[in-house]
Amino acid sequence: MHVGLLDGKVGLVTGAGAGIGRATALTFAREGAAVTVADVDPQGGEETVRL
């Protein structure tokens, strides 16, 4: 079982619809954080959530 560095933490990532923001959101999630994504492009943010 993988114990993430961010287990039990919460992350808020702005600009999460693409690029560095998306990569950050995905990394936070992979490391166990609950992530809230925000972006001016709702479709980009929704796509990040689906990933």
Foldseek 3Di string as FASTA:
>chain_A
DDAAPQAPAEEEFEPCLDDPSLVVQVNNVVRHHHYDYHYPDVVSNVVSVVD
